[in-house]
C-alpha atoms as a PDB file:
ATOM      1  CA  MET A   1       0.000   0.000   0.000  1.00  0.00           C
ATOM      2  CA  LYS A   2       3.008   2.341   0.141  1.00  0.00           C
ATOM      3  CA  ASN A   3       2.671   3.114  -3.564  1.00  0.00           C
ATOM      4  CA  GLN A   4      -1.071   3.691  -3.211  1.00  0.00           C
ATOM      5  CA  LYS A   5      -0.445   6.130  -0.370  1.00  0.00           C
ATOM      6  CA  LYS A   6       1.883   8.186  -2.578  1.00  0.00           C
ATOM      7  CA  GLU A   7      -0.553   7.990  -5.484  1.00  0.00           C
ATOM      8  CA  ILE A   8      -3.487   9.089  -3.315  1.00  0.00           C
ATOM      9  CA  LEU A   9      -1.523  12.041  -1.931  1.00  0.00           C
ATOM     10  CA  ALA A  10      -0.488  13.107  -5.439  1.00  0.00           C
ATOM     11  CA  ASN A  11      -3.949  12.810  -7.003  1.00  0.00           C
ATOM     12  CA  LEU A  12      -6.445  13.505  -4.207  1.00  0.00           C
ATOM     13  CA  CYS A  13      -9.345  15.699  -5.331  1.00  0.00           C
ATOM     14  CA  TYR A  14     -12.593  17.039  -3.909  1.00  0.00           C
ATOM     15  CA  THR A  15     -16.096  17.896  -5.093  1.00  0.00           C
ATOM     16  CA  GLU A  16     -18.014  20.916  -3.848  1.00  0.00           C
ATOM     17  CA  ARG A  17     -20.492  18.713  -2.005  1.00  0.00           C
ATOM     18  CA  VAL A  18     -17.857  16.732  -0.146  1.00  0.00           C
ATOM     19  CA  TYR A  19     -16.762  19.817   1.806  1.00  0.00           C
ATOM     20  CA  GLU A  20     -20.309  20.134   3.156  1.00  0.00           C
ATOM     21  CA  ARG A  21     -20.479  16.397   3.853  1.00  0.00           C
ATOM     22  CA  ILE A  22     -17.195  16.429   5.779  1.00  0.00           C
ATOM     23  CA  ASN A  23     -18.278  19.385   7.907  1.00  0.00           C
ATOM     24  CA  LYS A  24     -21.590  17.666   8.624  1.00  0.00           C
ATOM     25  CA  LYS A  25     -19.989  14.316   9.507  1.00  0.00           C
ATOM     26  CA  LEU A  26     -17.369  15.937  11.745  1.00  0.00           C
ATOM     27  CA  ASP A  27     -19.806  18.521  13.127  1.00  0.00           C
ATOM     28  CA  THR A  28     -17.448  21.371  12.170  1.00  0.00           C
ATOM     29  CA  THR A  29     -17.433  24.529  10.052  1.00  0.00           C
ATOM     30  CA  LEU A  30     -14.012  24.200   8.448  1.00  0.00           C
ATOM     31  CA  SER A  31     -13.126  26.115   5.281  1.00  0.00           C
ATOM     32  CA  LYS A  32     -12.201  24.251   2.088  1.00  0.00           C
ATOM     33  CA  GLY A  33      -8.522  24.918   2.756  1.00  0.00           C
ATOM     34  CA  GLU A  34      -8.766  23.683   6.335  1.00  0.00           C
ATOM     35  CA  ILE A  35     -10.499  20.490   5.185  1.00  0.00           C
ATOM     36  CA  GLU A  36      -7.851  19.860   2.522  1.00  0.00           C
ATOM     37  CA  THR A  37      -5.075  20.419   5.076  1.00  0.00           C
ATOM     38  CA  LEU A  38      -6.772  18.095   7.573  1.00  0.00           C
ATOM     39  CA  ILE A  39      -7.230  15.303   5.003  1.00  0.00           C
ATOM     40  CA  SER A  40      -3.666  15.674   3.735  1.00  0.00           C
ATOM     41  CA  THR A  41      -2.291  15.582   7.286  1.00  0.00           C
ATOM     42  CA  ILE A  42      -4.322  12.480   8.124  1.00  0.00           C
ATOM     43  CA  LEU A  43      -3.082  10.719   4.981  1.00  0.00           C
ATOM     44  CA  LYS A  44       0.548  11.620   5.672  1.00  0.00           C
ATOM     45  CA  GLU A  45       0.528  10.564   9.321  1.00  0.00           C
ATOM     46  CA  THR A  46      -1.393   7.306   8.783  1.00  0.00           C
ATOM     47  CA  ASP A  47       0.816   4.261   8.346  1.00  0.00           C
ATOM     48  CA  HIS A  48       0.375   2.461   5.036  1.00  0.00           C
ATOM     49  CA  SER A  49      -0.708  -0.655   6.952  1.00  0.00           C
ATOM     50  CA  ASN A  50      -3.939   1.214   7.790  1.00  0.00           C
ATOM     51  CA  PHE A  51      -4.768   1.704   4.103  1.00  0.00           C
ATOM     52  CA  SER A  52      -7.046  -0.913   2.575  1.00  0.00           C
ATOM     53  CA  LYS A  53      -8.818  -1.288  -0.738  1.00  0.00           C
ATOM     54  CA  THR A  54     -12.226  -2.899  -0.893  1.00  0.00           C
ATOM     55  CA  GLY A  55     -14.007  -2.874  -4.225  1.00  0.00           C
ATOM     56  CA  LYS A  56     -13.723   0.554  -5.804  1.00  0.00           C
ATOM     57  CA  ASN A  57     -12.700   2.425  -2.644  1.00  0.00           C
ATOM     58  CA  PHE A  58      -9.693   2.983  -0.442  1.00  0.00           C
ATOM     59  CA  TYR A  59     -10.354   3.101   3.296  1.00  0.00           C
ATOM     60  CA  ILE A  60      -7.795   4.891   5.438  1.00  0.00           C
ATOM     61  CA  THR A  61      -8.207   4.394   9.179  1.00  0.00           C
ATOM     62  CA  ASN A  62      -6.464   6.666  11.665  1.00  0.00           C
ATOM     63  CA  GLN A  63      -7.089   5.502  15.237  1.00  0.00           C
ATOM     64  CA  LYS A  64      -5.224   8.448  16.764  1.00  0.00           C
ATOM     65  CA  ARG A  65      -7.623  10.930  15.162  1.00  0.00           C
ATOM     66  CA  ASN A  66     -10.640   8.601  15.465  1.00  0.00           C
ATOM     67  CA  ILE A  67     -11.372   8.915  11.742  1.00  0.00           C
ATOM     68  CA  ARG A  68     -11.774   6.838   8.585  1.00  0.00           C
ATOM     69  CA  LEU A  69     -11.444   8.354   5.117  1.00  0.00           C
ATOM     70  CA  THR A  70     -13.160   6.843   2.086  1.00  0.00           C
ATOM     71  CA  ILE A  71     -11.544   7.629  -1.276  1.00  0.00           C
ATOM     72  CA  ASN A  72     -12.563   6.438  -4.744  1.00  0.00           C
ATOM     73  CA  ALA A  73      -9.766   4.206  -6.072  1.00  0.00           C
ATOM     74  CA  ASN A  74     -10.270   5.235  -9.707  1.00  0.00           C
ATOM     75  CA  THR A  75     -10.655   9.011  -9.425  1.00  0.00           C
ATOM     76  CA  PHE A  76      -8.910   9.578  -6.062  1.00  0.00           C
ATOM     77  CA  ARG A  77     -11.879  11.703  -5.056  1.00  0.00           C
ATOM     78  CA  ILE A  78     -12.582  11.856  -1.360  1.00  0.00           C
ATOM     79  CA  ILE A  79     -16.063  10.453  -0.805  1.00  0.00           C
ATOM     80  CA  THR A  80     -16.582  10.903   2.913  1.00  0.00           C
ATOM     81  CA  VAL A  81     -15.079  10.788   6.373  1.00  0.00           C
ATOM     82  CA  ASP A  82     -16.465   8.902   9.340  1.00  0.00           C
ATOM     83  CA  LEU A  83     -15.714   9.121  13.018  1.00  0.00           C
ATOM     84  CA  LEU A  84     -14.685   5.664  14.186  1.00  0.00           C
ATOM     85  CA  SER A  85     -16.609   6.101  17.413  1.00  0.00           C
ATOM     86  CA  LYS A  86     -19.820   6.549  15.400  1.00  0.00           C
ATOM     87  CA  LEU A  87     -19.052   3.625  13.087  1.00  0.00           C
ATOM     88  CA  PHE A  88     -18.599   1.203  15.962  1.00  0.00           C
ATOM     89  CA  SER A  89     -21.430   2.492  18.128  1.00  0.00           C
ATOM     90  CA  LYS A  90     -24.083   1.465  15.593  1.00  0.00           C
END
């Protein structure tokens, strides 16, 4: 997954709606730039062993930040973020 991590970092992109979705999921009011910085930081600090590919998506899990990123494996578009505490409390 080391190569995928580099490829994701180099090609990561966003849609207008995903900024709203991320703020809603994280219950924040971050600007586009702040969201992009947060996602980039999470990707950089997450060990490649916490990157997995299932179907058409990459899932990046960062226990320290209590967050999971979902990224489309073909377009490298961020789809959503989830708080791990909410994922496992369902």
